Structure formats: structure tokens, C-alpha cells
Amino acid sequence: TRYPLVTGVQTCALPIYATFGDIVLASDVTIDTGTGAGNIVIAGITGATNALTLISGSGTTTVSGVVGGVTTLTLQENASSSTGAVTFQDDVTATTITTFAQPYAVSLLGNATIGSATTFQNTGAIQLGDDANDFLQFSGALNTTAGSGTTLGGTIRSVNAAMTLDEVTLVANTVLRSGSGTMTIASVTDGAGAYSLTLGTVAQTGAVTINGNVTISKQIG
């Protein structure tokens, strides 16, 4: 079923799957396909200063276009059925991202502007960016240590706040910036690639600590 436009929907409960075109939120919206493998596919989202909750259970959630103007973006729910990966393929702007301590993956593959501190509580994989030109900014601390691993590409910035990352795998040249905030990383590898890693800028004053191994083919700076 294809729903090209959704406006003013409070709760949309769909038992199998849901495919949307570009949607506009006229109020807070929940899209819920239940606990089974009910995939959610959305072209793009205009939040209009409303909240959005996406629950796909063991199904996947994929947003292919730009997400903008969302206040609280809630990914999955706090239930053992929340195992489906959530992927944003383009830019995301939201005040807050909410996740839960359940075994699903979250990927932000474009630019991102998140207006608050962000702790990814999901215990599956976490990916921030997939290209050297991506820029992801979090207005507060960033923490990915609950996940099973963190994949990075592009520039990731926590604005003068602590950045704490799980085991990192690079998929593109990467710059990490935390300004006056500390930066703590479990370990770093570029896997089968050959990517550079830059830690901070000339304005970086927060201490940088890598607790484990660093395996990078190009350079670290």
C-alpha cells in the first residue's frame, strides 16, 4: 500500500507494511507496523515542528529523502520485538533523537543536525555518515558505546561536549571534533579501506583518548 501524503495523523497503526511518499506532519505522529516484519519506507519528511515515532518491530525502516523540522524523532520502541534496522539515507534535522536498549541498528548516512545531546541506546550497529563530505553535528554530548560497533564517514561534531565512541570502523575519511569536550574512543580501524582520521581541529582543547588499537592505512592527525 502506498500513502503519498500524511497530514494530521495522530497514530497510524499498520499491521503489515507501509510505503509513503513525502509526508508532512501536521501534529505529532506515530507510524507503527506492529511487532512483526512490517517494513516502513518513506520518501521524505517535513516535520513542521512536530514529533515523529517510527516503529517497525522486526521489519526495517528506511527514509530515502530529507528529514527536516522534526522535534523528537523516536526510533522503534522499548520492546524485545524492536530488532529491525532504521536507516536515513539523506539529511536529518531534529531537535532530539530517542532510541532504546534493544538490538536494532541505526544509520544516519547523510548530513545531520541534532539539537541536543544524543546517546544512542540501541545495542545494534550505529553508523554516522558514509562519505567524506558528510557533516553530522550534535548540540551536546554524543555517545555510541551501547552499540555493537560504530561506523563513521565524514565530519562528526559534538559542540563543545564529550564524544564517547564504541569501537570505530571508518568507511570514508573522517574528522572528529569535540571542541572543549573530551573525546574517548574504544578503538579505530579502517577495515579493508584506506582512510584518514583527523582528531579535532586547531581549536580543539578537549583531551583525546583512544583506549584500544588503532589500525589506519593512511594517516591519523
Protein backbone atom coordinates (compact mmCIF):
# COMPACT_ATOMS: atom_id res chain seq x y z
CA THR A 1 0.00 0.00 0.00
CA ARG A 2 1.31 3.45 -0.88
CA TYR A 3 0.35 6.57 1.05
CA PRO A 4 1.67 9.60 -0.87
CA LEU A 5 0.87 12.17 1.83
CA VAL A 6 0.06 12.00 5.53
CA THR A 7 -1.01 15.11 7.40
CA GLY A 8 -2.62 15.49 10.78
CA VAL A 9 -2.39 11.81 11.65
CA GLN A 10 -2.11 11.11 15.38
CA THR A 11 -1.40 7.38 15.19
CA CYS A 12 -1.14 5.23 12.11
CA ALA A 13 -1.25 1.53 13.03
CA LEU A 14 -0.49 -0.68 10.06
CA PRO A 15 -0.21 -4.44 10.60
CA ILE A 16 1.89 -5.43 7.59
CA TYR A 17 3.97 -2.73 5.92
CA ALA A 18 3.76 0.93 4.97
CA THR A 19 5.21 2.79 1.99
CA PHE A 20 4.90 6.56 1.89
CA GLY A 21 5.86 9.32 -0.47
CA ASP A 22 6.88 12.65 1.05
CA ILE A 23 4.93 13.19 4.25
CA VAL A 24 4.10 16.39 6.13
CA LEU A 25 3.37 16.29 9.85
CA ALA A 26 0.51 18.50 11.00
CA SER A 27 0.73 17.13 14.54
CA ASP A 28 2.77 14.56 16.47
CA VAL A 29 2.67 11.31 14.51
CA THR A 30 3.34 7.64 15.24
CA ILE A 31 3.73 5.14 12.41
CA ASP A 32 3.57 1.63 13.82
CA THR A 33 3.54 -1.57 11.75
CA GLY A 34 3.41 -3.82 14.79
CA THR A 35 5.83 -6.33 16.24
CA GLY A 36 6.25 -8.42 13.08
CA ALA A 37 8.31 -7.81 9.97
CA GLY A 38 6.36 -4.75 8.86
CA ASN A 39 8.72 -2.57 6.87
CA ILE A 40 8.32 1.21 6.80
CA VAL A 41 9.52 3.06 3.68
CA ILE A 42 9.25 6.86 3.48
CA ALA A 43 10.48 9.18 0.73
CA GLY A 44 10.95 12.28 2.86
CA ILE A 45 9.60 14.01 5.97
CA THR A 46 8.67 17.62 6.68
CA GLY A 47 8.24 17.80 10.42
CA ALA A 48 6.77 21.30 10.73
CA THR A 49 7.93 21.34 14.39
CA ASN A 50 6.17 18.11 15.30
CA ALA A 51 7.39 14.82 16.77
CA LEU A 52 7.61 11.56 14.84
CA THR A 53 7.79 7.98 16.13
CA LEU A 54 8.70 5.14 13.77
CA ILE A 55 8.04 1.59 14.99
CA SER A 56 8.64 -1.30 12.61
CA GLY A 57 9.24 -4.18 15.04
CA SER A 58 11.39 -6.77 13.31
CA GLY A 59 10.84 -5.00 9.99
CA THR A 60 13.16 -2.31 8.69
CA THR A 61 12.57 1.43 8.49
CA THR A 62 14.10 3.29 5.54
CA VAL A 63 13.79 7.02 4.83
CA SER A 64 15.35 7.81 1.47
CA GLY A 65 14.87 11.58 1.38
CA VAL A 66 15.45 14.62 3.57
CA VAL A 67 14.03 14.78 7.10
CA GLY A 68 13.58 18.31 8.44
CA GLY A 69 11.82 20.21 11.17
CA VAL A 70 11.18 17.25 13.48
CA THR A 71 11.26 17.89 17.22
CA THR A 72 11.64 14.44 18.81
CA LEU A 73 12.50 11.66 16.39
CA THR A 74 11.83 8.35 18.15
CA LEU A 75 13.22 5.20 16.54
CA GLN A 76 11.49 1.92 17.41
CA GLU A 77 10.07 1.26 20.91
CA ASN A 78 11.35 -0.26 24.12
CA ALA A 79 10.26 -3.82 23.32
CA SER A 80 12.14 -7.03 22.57
CA SER A 81 10.44 -7.11 19.16
CA SER A 82 12.40 -3.98 18.14
CA THR A 83 15.08 -5.63 16.01
CA GLY A 84 14.60 -4.01 12.60
CA ALA A 85 17.29 -1.64 11.33
CA VAL A 86 16.46 2.06 10.95
CA THR A 87 18.22 3.87 8.08
CA PHE A 88 18.14 7.52 6.99
CA GLN A 89 19.77 7.79 3.57
CA ASP A 90 19.70 11.59 3.29
CA ASP A 91 19.94 14.62 5.58
CA VAL A 92 18.25 14.69 9.00
CA THR A 93 17.38 17.70 11.14
CA ALA A 94 15.76 17.05 14.51
CA THR A 95 15.83 18.51 17.99
CA THR A 96 16.24 15.12 19.67
CA ILE A 97 16.79 11.50 18.66
CA THR A 98 15.37 8.88 21.02
CA THR A 99 16.45 5.24 20.90
CA PHE A 100 16.04 2.25 23.20
CA ALA A 101 18.22 -0.53 24.62
CA GLN A 102 17.06 -3.08 22.07
CA PRO A 103 19.05 -4.97 19.38
CA TYR A 104 18.43 -2.83 16.31
CA ALA A 105 20.79 -0.82 14.13
CA VAL A 106 20.59 2.91 13.41
CA SER A 107 22.25 4.59 10.42
CA LEU A 108 22.41 8.31 9.57
CA LEU A 109 24.03 8.29 6.14
CA GLY A 110 23.71 11.93 5.11
CA ASN A 111 24.26 15.25 6.87
CA ALA A 112 22.64 15.60 10.29
CA THR A 113 21.86 18.45 12.64
CA ILE A 114 20.65 17.24 16.03
CA GLY A 115 19.84 19.97 18.52
CA SER A 116 20.62 18.20 21.76
CA ALA A 117 22.92 15.71 23.44
CA THR A 118 22.49 12.26 21.91
CA THR A 119 23.08 8.85 23.45
CA PHE A 120 22.35 6.01 21.06
CA GLN A 121 20.93 3.38 23.41
CA ASN A 122 20.25 0.77 20.74
CA THR A 123 22.56 -2.22 21.05
CA GLY A 124 22.90 -2.97 17.35
CA ALA A 125 25.29 -1.28 14.95
CA ILE A 126 25.45 2.51 14.68
CA GLN A 127 26.59 4.36 11.55
CA LEU A 128 27.15 8.09 11.26
CA GLY A 129 27.92 9.20 7.70
CA ASP A 130 29.17 7.22 4.73
CA ASP A 131 31.08 9.82 2.73
CA ALA A 132 33.95 12.20 3.45
CA ASN A 133 31.68 15.15 2.63
CA ASP A 134 29.01 14.28 5.21
CA PHE A 135 28.71 16.61 8.22
CA LEU A 136 26.88 15.47 11.35
CA GLN A 137 26.54 17.90 14.24
CA PHE A 138 25.18 17.17 17.71
CA SER A 139 24.49 20.13 20.01
CA GLY A 140 25.69 18.35 23.10
CA ALA A 141 27.42 15.14 24.08
CA LEU A 142 27.49 12.17 21.70
CA ASN A 143 27.67 8.60 22.97
CA THR A 144 27.57 5.38 20.93
CA THR A 145 29.00 2.94 23.47
CA ALA A 146 25.80 0.90 23.84
CA GLY A 147 26.04 -0.25 20.23
CA SER A 148 27.80 -3.28 18.81
CA GLY A 149 30.17 -1.03 16.85
CA THR A 150 30.29 2.44 15.32
CA THR A 151 30.89 3.08 11.63
CA LEU A 152 31.94 6.60 10.64
CA GLY A 153 32.45 8.65 7.49
CA GLY A 154 32.74 12.44 7.15
CA THR A 155 32.88 15.05 9.91
CA ILE A 156 31.19 14.26 13.22
CA ARG A 157 30.97 17.10 15.72
CA SER A 158 29.72 17.29 19.30
CA VAL A 159 29.56 21.01 20.03
CA ASN A 160 31.98 21.62 22.93
CA ALA A 161 30.76 18.45 24.60
CA ALA A 162 32.03 14.96 25.28
CA MET A 163 32.22 12.50 22.41
CA THR A 164 32.36 8.87 23.52
CA LEU A 165 32.51 6.23 20.82
CA ASP A 166 32.46 2.47 20.77
CA GLU A 167 34.83 0.50 18.51
CA VAL A 168 35.08 2.61 15.34
CA THR A 169 35.32 1.42 11.75
CA LEU A 170 35.93 4.06 9.06
CA VAL A 171 34.13 3.90 5.71
CA ALA A 172 35.48 7.24 4.44
CA ASN A 173 37.96 9.91 5.52
CA THR A 174 36.75 11.07 8.92
CA VAL A 175 37.13 14.15 11.12
CA LEU A 176 36.04 14.05 14.77
CA ARG A 177 35.52 17.37 16.59
CA SER A 178 34.51 17.90 20.19
CA GLY A 179 35.92 21.37 20.84
CA SER A 180 36.34 21.84 24.60
CA GLY A 181 34.70 18.48 25.25
CA THR A 182 36.70 15.33 25.78
CA MET A 183 36.91 12.66 23.11
CA THR A 184 37.13 8.99 24.09
CA ILE A 185 37.25 6.17 21.54
CA ALA A 186 37.43 2.44 22.24
CA SER A 187 39.49 1.60 19.12
CA VAL A 188 39.79 2.55 15.45
CA THR A 189 40.22 0.63 12.20
CA ASP A 190 39.67 1.47 8.55
CA GLY A 191 38.92 -2.17 7.81
CA ALA A 192 39.56 -3.08 4.20
CA GLY A 193 39.75 0.59 3.19
CA ALA A 194 42.48 3.21 3.36
CA TYR A 195 41.06 6.26 5.11
CA SER A 196 42.42 9.13 7.17
CA LEU A 197 41.28 10.12 10.64
CA THR A 198 41.60 13.67 11.98
CA LEU A 199 41.04 14.21 15.69
CA GLY A 200 39.91 17.73 16.48
CA THR A 201 40.97 20.99 14.85
CA VAL A 202 43.46 23.68 15.84
CA ALA A 203 40.75 24.94 18.23
CA GLN A 204 40.38 21.59 19.99
CA THR A 205 41.07 21.86 23.74
CA GLY A 206 39.32 18.73 24.99
CA ALA A 207 41.58 15.75 25.69
CA VAL A 208 41.56 12.90 23.18
CA THR A 209 41.90 9.30 24.36
CA ILE A 210 41.91 6.10 22.30
CA ASN A 211 41.83 3.16 24.67
CA GLY A 212 42.48 0.33 22.23
CA ASN A 213 44.23 -0.46 18.97
CA VAL A 214 44.47 1.97 16.05
CA THR A 215 44.79 0.42 12.60
CA ILE A 216 44.69 3.02 9.82
CA SER A 217 46.33 2.70 6.43
CA LYS A 218 46.57 6.42 5.55
CA GLN A 219 47.10 8.82 8.44
CA ILE A 220 45.88 9.97 11.80
CA GLY A 221 46.14 13.57 12.80
